Amino acid sequence: WYKQFGFIGNLSKAINKDRFTKIINVFDGRIKNPNQTLKWTFLSGHDLDMVPMYYDLNLSTSKCIEELYRKGQTTALNCEQYP
């Protein structure tokens, strides 16, 4: 949880740029040519790769956890408050 604080802001955008570009290019290619032979694309990731992606996609992050703790609410899309 603590390591997530280092992967926010511009650093998360820099880390995610290539991965998001690849995902968008793959989807665009399949939309333009639905009959291509390549049907499956697999991208692997590590926890520390996924943390910046959670942040950029506004999913459950350390920021959302902190907002819940300090303010009692958050605007994150997927942030659960545990009892």
N, C-alpha and C. Protein backbone atom coordinates (compact mmCIF):
# COMPACT_ATOMS: atom_id res chain seq x y z
N TRP A 1 0.82 -1.18 0.00
CA TRP A 1 0.00 0.00 0.00
C TRP A 1 0.87 1.25 0.00
N TYR A 2 1.90 1.26 0.80
CA TYR A 2 2.76 2.44 0.92
C TYR A 2 3.46 2.75 -0.41
N LYS A 3 3.89 1.72 -1.16
CA LYS A 3 4.60 1.93 -2.42
C LYS A 3 3.73 2.60 -3.47
N GLN A 4 2.40 2.52 -3.33
CA GLN A 4 1.51 3.13 -4.30
C GLN A 4 1.67 4.64 -4.36
N PHE A 5 2.06 5.28 -3.28
CA PHE A 5 2.19 6.73 -3.27
C PHE A 5 3.25 7.23 -4.25
N GLY A 6 4.22 6.42 -4.58
CA GLY A 6 5.27 6.83 -5.50
C GLY A 6 4.87 6.78 -6.97
N PHE A 7 3.76 6.15 -7.28
CA PHE A 7 3.37 5.93 -8.68
C PHE A 7 2.14 6.73 -9.08
N ILE A 8 2.07 8.00 -8.68
CA ILE A 8 0.93 8.82 -9.03
C ILE A 8 1.37 10.03 -9.85
N GLY A 9 0.42 10.73 -10.42
CA GLY A 9 0.71 11.95 -11.17
C GLY A 9 1.41 11.67 -12.49
N ASN A 10 2.39 12.50 -12.80
CA ASN A 10 3.10 12.38 -14.09
C ASN A 10 3.88 11.08 -14.20
N LEU A 11 4.36 10.55 -13.08
CA LEU A 11 5.10 9.28 -13.13
C LEU A 11 4.19 8.14 -13.60
N SER A 12 2.96 8.11 -13.13
CA SER A 12 2.05 7.04 -13.56
C SER A 12 1.74 7.17 -15.05
N LYS A 13 1.62 8.40 -15.54
CA LYS A 13 1.38 8.60 -16.97
C LYS A 13 2.57 8.13 -17.80
N ALA A 14 3.77 8.38 -17.33
CA ALA A 14 4.98 7.94 -18.04
C ALA A 14 5.09 6.42 -18.04
N ILE A 15 4.75 5.80 -16.93
CA ILE A 15 4.82 4.34 -16.83
C ILE A 15 3.79 3.68 -17.73
N ASN A 16 2.59 4.26 -17.82
CA ASN A 16 1.48 3.65 -18.56
C ASN A 16 1.46 3.97 -20.05
N LYS A 17 2.18 4.98 -20.48
CA LYS A 17 2.07 5.45 -21.86
C LYS A 17 2.21 4.33 -22.88
N ASP A 18 3.26 3.55 -22.81
CA ASP A 18 3.49 2.49 -23.80
C ASP A 18 2.43 1.40 -23.72
N ARG A 19 2.02 1.04 -22.51
CA ARG A 19 1.02 -0.02 -22.35
C ARG A 19 -0.33 0.42 -22.92
N PHE A 20 -0.76 1.62 -22.59
CA PHE A 20 -2.04 2.11 -23.12
C PHE A 20 -1.99 2.30 -24.63
N THR A 21 -0.86 2.75 -25.15
CA THR A 21 -0.70 2.90 -26.60
C THR A 21 -0.84 1.56 -27.28
N LYS A 22 -0.21 0.52 -26.73
CA LYS A 22 -0.32 -0.82 -27.31
C LYS A 22 -1.76 -1.32 -27.28
N ILE A 23 -2.43 -1.16 -26.15
CA ILE A 23 -3.81 -1.63 -26.03
C ILE A 23 -4.71 -0.92 -27.04
N ILE A 24 -4.58 0.38 -27.16
CA ILE A 24 -5.41 1.15 -28.09
C ILE A 24 -5.10 0.75 -29.53
N ASN A 25 -3.83 0.58 -29.87
CA ASN A 25 -3.46 0.17 -31.23
C ASN A 25 -4.00 -1.21 -31.58
N VAL A 26 -3.94 -2.13 -30.63
CA VAL A 26 -4.47 -3.48 -30.87
C VAL A 26 -5.97 -3.43 -31.11
N PHE A 27 -6.69 -2.71 -30.26
CA PHE A 27 -8.14 -2.60 -30.44
C PHE A 27 -8.50 -1.90 -31.74
N ASP A 28 -7.78 -0.82 -32.06
CA ASP A 28 -8.05 -0.11 -33.32
C ASP A 28 -7.81 -1.01 -34.52
N GLY A 29 -6.74 -1.81 -34.47
CA GLY A 29 -6.44 -2.73 -35.56
C GLY A 29 -7.53 -3.78 -35.74
N ARG A 30 -8.06 -4.25 -34.63
CA ARG A 30 -9.12 -5.27 -34.73
C ARG A 30 -10.44 -4.68 -35.18
N ILE A 31 -10.69 -3.44 -34.85
CA ILE A 31 -11.91 -2.78 -35.32
C ILE A 31 -11.83 -2.54 -36.82
N LYS A 32 -10.66 -2.11 -37.29
CA LYS A 32 -10.49 -1.83 -38.72
C LYS A 32 -10.48 -3.12 -39.55
N ASN A 33 -9.99 -4.20 -38.98
CA ASN A 33 -9.89 -5.46 -39.71
C ASN A 33 -10.37 -6.61 -38.82
N PRO A 34 -11.68 -6.81 -38.69
CA PRO A 34 -12.19 -7.84 -37.78
C PRO A 34 -11.88 -9.26 -38.22
N ASN A 35 -11.45 -9.47 -39.45
CA ASN A 35 -11.17 -10.82 -39.95
C ASN A 35 -9.69 -11.22 -39.85
N GLN A 36 -8.89 -10.43 -39.16
CA GLN A 36 -7.48 -10.79 -39.05
C GLN A 36 -7.31 -12.07 -38.24
N THR A 37 -6.21 -12.76 -38.46
CA THR A 37 -6.00 -14.06 -37.82
C THR A 37 -5.68 -13.94 -36.34
N LEU A 38 -5.07 -12.84 -35.91
CA LEU A 38 -4.72 -12.66 -34.51
C LEU A 38 -5.98 -12.38 -33.70
N LYS A 39 -6.32 -13.29 -32.82
CA LYS A 39 -7.55 -13.15 -32.03
C LYS A 39 -7.28 -12.92 -30.55
N TRP A 40 -6.07 -13.13 -30.12
CA TRP A 40 -5.78 -13.07 -28.69
C TRP A 40 -4.50 -12.27 -28.46
N THR A 41 -4.55 -11.34 -27.54
CA THR A 41 -3.37 -10.59 -27.13
C THR A 41 -3.27 -10.69 -25.62
N PHE A 42 -2.11 -11.04 -25.12
CA PHE A 42 -1.91 -11.23 -23.70
C PHE A 42 -0.86 -10.23 -23.22
N LEU A 43 -1.22 -9.43 -22.24
CA LEU A 43 -0.27 -8.51 -21.61
C LEU A 43 -0.15 -8.91 -20.15
N SER A 44 1.04 -9.14 -19.71
CA SER A 44 1.22 -9.49 -18.30
C SER A 44 1.68 -8.26 -17.53
N GLY A 45 1.48 -8.31 -16.25
CA GLY A 45 1.89 -7.20 -15.42
C GLY A 45 2.18 -7.66 -14.01
N HIS A 46 2.87 -6.83 -13.30
CA HIS A 46 3.22 -7.06 -11.91
C HIS A 46 2.41 -6.08 -11.07
N ASP A 47 2.31 -6.32 -9.80
CA ASP A 47 1.57 -5.40 -8.93
C ASP A 47 2.03 -3.96 -9.12
N LEU A 48 3.33 -3.77 -9.19
CA LEU A 48 3.84 -2.41 -9.31
C LEU A 48 3.61 -1.82 -10.70
N ASP A 49 3.30 -2.66 -11.70
CA ASP A 49 2.90 -2.15 -13.00
C ASP A 49 1.43 -1.74 -12.99
N MET A 50 0.64 -2.45 -12.22
CA MET A 50 -0.80 -2.20 -12.20
C MET A 50 -1.18 -0.99 -11.36
N VAL A 51 -0.38 -0.67 -10.35
CA VAL A 51 -0.69 0.45 -9.47
C VAL A 51 -0.83 1.76 -10.25
N PRO A 52 0.11 2.11 -11.15
CA PRO A 52 -0.08 3.34 -11.92
C PRO A 52 -1.32 3.29 -12.81
N MET A 53 -1.65 2.10 -13.31
CA MET A 53 -2.83 1.97 -14.16
C MET A 53 -4.10 2.20 -13.34
N TYR A 54 -4.16 1.67 -12.13
CA TYR A 54 -5.30 1.92 -11.26
C TYR A 54 -5.48 3.41 -11.04
N TYR A 55 -4.36 4.09 -10.82
CA TYR A 55 -4.42 5.53 -10.56
C TYR A 55 -4.94 6.28 -11.79
N ASP A 56 -4.39 5.99 -12.95
CA ASP A 56 -4.79 6.71 -14.17
C ASP A 56 -6.23 6.41 -14.58
N LEU A 57 -6.72 5.22 -14.28
CA LEU A 57 -8.09 4.86 -14.62
C LEU A 57 -9.08 5.20 -13.50
N ASN A 58 -8.59 5.82 -12.44
CA ASN A 58 -9.41 6.25 -11.31
C ASN A 58 -10.10 5.06 -10.65
N LEU A 59 -9.35 3.98 -10.50
CA LEU A 59 -9.86 2.83 -9.77
C LEU A 59 -9.35 2.88 -8.34
N SER A 60 -9.44 1.81 -7.61
CA SER A 60 -9.04 1.79 -6.22
C SER A 60 -7.54 2.01 -6.08
N THR A 61 -7.15 3.08 -5.42
CA THR A 61 -5.75 3.44 -5.27
C THR A 61 -5.47 3.89 -3.84
N SER A 62 -4.22 4.16 -3.56
CA SER A 62 -3.87 4.69 -2.25
C SER A 62 -4.52 6.05 -2.04
N LYS A 63 -4.69 6.82 -3.12
CA LYS A 63 -5.33 8.13 -3.01
C LYS A 63 -6.78 7.96 -2.56
N CYS A 64 -7.48 7.00 -3.14
CA CYS A 64 -8.88 6.78 -2.76
C CYS A 64 -8.96 6.30 -1.31
N ILE A 65 -8.03 5.45 -0.91
CA ILE A 65 -8.02 4.96 0.47
C ILE A 65 -7.78 6.12 1.44
N GLU A 66 -6.87 7.02 1.06
CA GLU A 66 -6.59 8.18 1.90
C GLU A 66 -7.80 9.11 1.96
N GLU A 67 -8.48 9.32 0.82
CA GLU A 67 -9.68 10.16 0.80
C GLU A 67 -10.76 9.59 1.71
N LEU A 68 -10.95 8.28 1.67
CA LEU A 68 -11.92 7.65 2.55
C LEU A 68 -11.55 7.85 4.01
N TYR A 69 -10.28 7.72 4.30
CA TYR A 69 -9.82 7.85 5.69
C TYR A 69 -9.96 9.30 6.17
N ARG A 70 -9.54 10.27 5.37
CA ARG A 70 -9.52 11.66 5.80
C ARG A 70 -10.87 12.36 5.63
N LYS A 71 -11.58 12.09 4.53
CA LYS A 71 -12.81 12.82 4.21
C LYS A 71 -14.07 11.98 4.37
N GLY A 72 -13.91 10.66 4.42
CA GLY A 72 -15.07 9.78 4.53
C GLY A 72 -15.77 9.52 3.21
N GLN A 73 -15.21 10.02 2.10
CA GLN A 73 -15.79 9.80 0.78
C GLN A 73 -14.72 9.96 -0.29
N THR A 74 -15.02 9.47 -1.51
CA THR A 74 -14.07 9.56 -2.61
C THR A 74 -14.83 9.62 -3.93
N THR A 75 -14.16 10.09 -4.98
CA THR A 75 -14.77 10.11 -6.31
C THR A 75 -14.27 8.94 -7.16
N ALA A 76 -13.43 8.08 -6.60
CA ALA A 76 -12.89 6.95 -7.34
C ALA A 76 -14.02 6.00 -7.75
N LEU A 77 -13.87 5.37 -8.89
CA LEU A 77 -14.92 4.52 -9.43
C LEU A 77 -15.09 3.22 -8.64
N ASN A 78 -14.00 2.69 -8.12
CA ASN A 78 -14.06 1.38 -7.48
C ASN A 78 -13.22 1.42 -6.21
N CYS A 79 -13.76 2.01 -5.18
CA CYS A 79 -13.02 2.12 -3.93
C CYS A 79 -13.96 1.72 -2.80
N GLU A 80 -13.66 0.62 -2.17
CA GLU A 80 -14.54 0.11 -1.13
C GLU A 80 -14.03 0.51 0.24
N GLN A 81 -14.95 0.84 1.10
CA GLN A 81 -14.62 1.16 2.47
C GLN A 81 -14.82 -0.08 3.31
N TYR A 82 -13.76 -0.54 3.92
CA TYR A 82 -13.83 -1.76 4.72
C TYR A 82 -14.15 -1.39 6.17
N PRO A 83 -14.97 -2.21 6.82
CA PRO A 83 -15.36 -1.90 8.22
C PRO A 83 -14.19 -1.96 9.16
